[in-house]
Protein backbone atom coordinates (compact mmCIF):
# COMPACT_ATOMS: atom_id res chain seq x y z
CA UNK A 1 61.71 137.71 124.40
CA UNK A 2 65.20 135.80 124.82
CA UNK A 3 66.37 133.11 122.19
CA UNK A 4 63.22 133.30 119.84
CA UNK A 5 64.08 137.00 119.22
CA UNK A 6 67.95 136.37 119.12
CA UNK A 7 67.50 133.55 116.23
CA UNK A 8 65.06 136.05 114.03
CA UNK A 9 67.89 138.46 114.12
CA UNK A 10 70.31 136.02 113.34
CA UNK A 11 68.29 134.87 110.15
CA UNK A 12 68.14 138.49 109.50
CA UNK A 13 71.78 138.87 109.85
CA UNK A 14 72.27 135.98 107.49
CA UNK A 15 69.93 137.55 104.99
CA UNK A 16 71.48 140.91 104.67
CA UNK A 17 75.23 139.14 104.64
CA UNK A 18 73.98 137.39 101.59
CA UNK A 19 72.30 140.27 99.92
CA UNK A 20 75.72 142.33 100.67
CA UNK A 21 78.03 139.98 99.17
CA UNK A 22 75.49 139.51 95.95
CA UNK A 23 75.90 143.30 95.41
CA UNK A 24 79.81 142.88 95.87
CA UNK A 25 79.64 140.22 93.11
CA UNK A 26 77.55 142.74 90.95
CA UNK A 27 74.25 141.07 91.11
CA UNK A 28 71.16 143.07 91.18
CA UNK A 29 68.38 140.75 92.90
CA UNK A 30 69.30 142.62 96.40
CA UNK A 31 68.72 146.28 95.01
CA UNK A 32 65.38 148.16 95.70
CA UNK A 33 62.91 149.22 92.55
CA UNK A 34 64.72 153.02 92.81
CA UNK A 35 68.12 151.29 92.58
CA UNK A 36 67.34 148.97 89.76
CA UNK A 37 65.99 151.86 87.89
CA UNK A 38 68.99 154.02 88.43
CA UNK A 39 71.42 151.03 87.53
CA UNK A 40 69.03 150.62 84.06
CA UNK A 41 69.33 154.22 83.50
CA UNK A 42 72.99 154.26 83.68
CA UNK A 43 73.25 151.65 81.76
CA UNK A 44 71.04 152.70 78.95
CA UNK A 45 73.17 156.16 78.76
CA UNK A 46 76.23 154.02 78.61
CA UNK A 47 74.57 152.24 75.51
CA UNK A 48 73.58 155.60 74.31
CA UNK A 49 77.17 156.67 74.44
CA UNK A 50 78.59 153.74 72.76
CA UNK A 51 76.15 153.99 69.78
CA UNK A 52 77.35 157.61 69.18
CA UNK A 53 80.86 156.72 69.55
CA UNK A 54 81.30 158.63 72.94
CA UNK A 55 83.03 157.73 76.02
CA UNK A 56 80.91 155.67 78.57
CA UNK A 57 82.87 156.78 81.95
CA UNK A 58 79.81 158.88 83.07
CA UNK A 59 77.63 155.85 83.07
CA UNK A 60 79.98 153.91 84.37
CA UNK A 61 80.77 156.35 87.33
CA UNK A 62 76.84 156.51 87.89
CA UNK A 63 76.55 152.59 88.21
CA UNK A 64 79.41 152.73 90.59
CA UNK A 65 77.86 155.35 92.83
CA UNK A 66 74.63 153.45 92.63
CA UNK A 67 76.60 150.09 93.72
CA UNK A 68 78.24 151.74 96.61
CA UNK A 69 75.11 153.41 97.78
CA UNK A 70 73.58 149.99 98.07
CA UNK A 71 76.63 148.55 100.09
CA UNK A 72 76.58 151.52 102.41
CA UNK A 73 72.81 150.84 103.03
CA UNK A 74 73.09 147.14 103.52
CA UNK A 75 75.98 147.84 105.72
CA UNK A 76 74.24 150.20 107.82
CA UNK A 77 71.09 147.62 108.08
CA UNK A 78 73.84 145.20 109.23
CA UNK A 79 75.24 147.49 111.69
CA UNK A 80 72.01 148.13 113.01
CA UNK A 81 71.03 144.27 113.39
CA UNK A 82 73.99 143.47 115.10
CA UNK A 83 73.37 146.17 117.48
CA UNK A 84 70.12 145.15 118.39
CA UNK A 85 71.09 141.36 118.72
CA UNK A 86 73.81 142.38 121.26
CA UNK A 87 71.10 144.79 123.00
CA UNK A 88 68.93 141.31 123.33
CA UNK A 89 71.62 139.26 124.56
CA UNK A 90 72.66 141.90 127.36
CA UNK A 91 69.07 141.96 128.33
CA UNK A 92 68.84 138.21 128.45
CA UNK A 93 72.19 137.99 130.49
CA UNK A 94 71.00 140.96 133.21
CA UNK A 95 67.50 138.99 133.16
CA UNK A 96 69.07 135.87 134.29
CA UNK A 97 71.56 137.33 136.75
CA UNK A 98 68.72 139.13 138.44
CA UNK A 99 66.86 135.69 138.62
CA UNK A 100 69.71 134.16 140.06
CA UNK A 101 70.56 136.89 142.75
CA UNK A 102 67.02 137.05 143.76
CA UNK A 103 67.18 133.25 145.41
CA UNK A 104 67.26 133.45 148.91
CA UNK A 105 69.30 130.27 149.95
C-alpha cells in the first residue's frame, strides 16, 4: 500500500486545496452543478430585483450562503483526506517497526 497511496492522497489534497482557494476568490469552476444552479438562480433573482428597483440584499445573502456551503464541503473533504493520509503513514510506520522487530539477530 505505502508510498503510492500516500502520493495519490497528496495529489488529491493539493487539488482540493486549489479548489478551496478558487472558491474563496469567488471562482465558480470548483462548484458542483447543483451549486452552480443555486448561484445562477440567486444572481437572476438579484438582476430581477435591480430591474424592479428593489434591494438585492436577499440575492446577495443567498449567494453568500451557497459560497459558504461550498467552502464547508471542501474543508470537510480536505479534513477527511488529511485523516486518511495520517492513517496510511501510521500504518506504514507500524509495518516498518514490526518488520524491524521481527529480525532475530
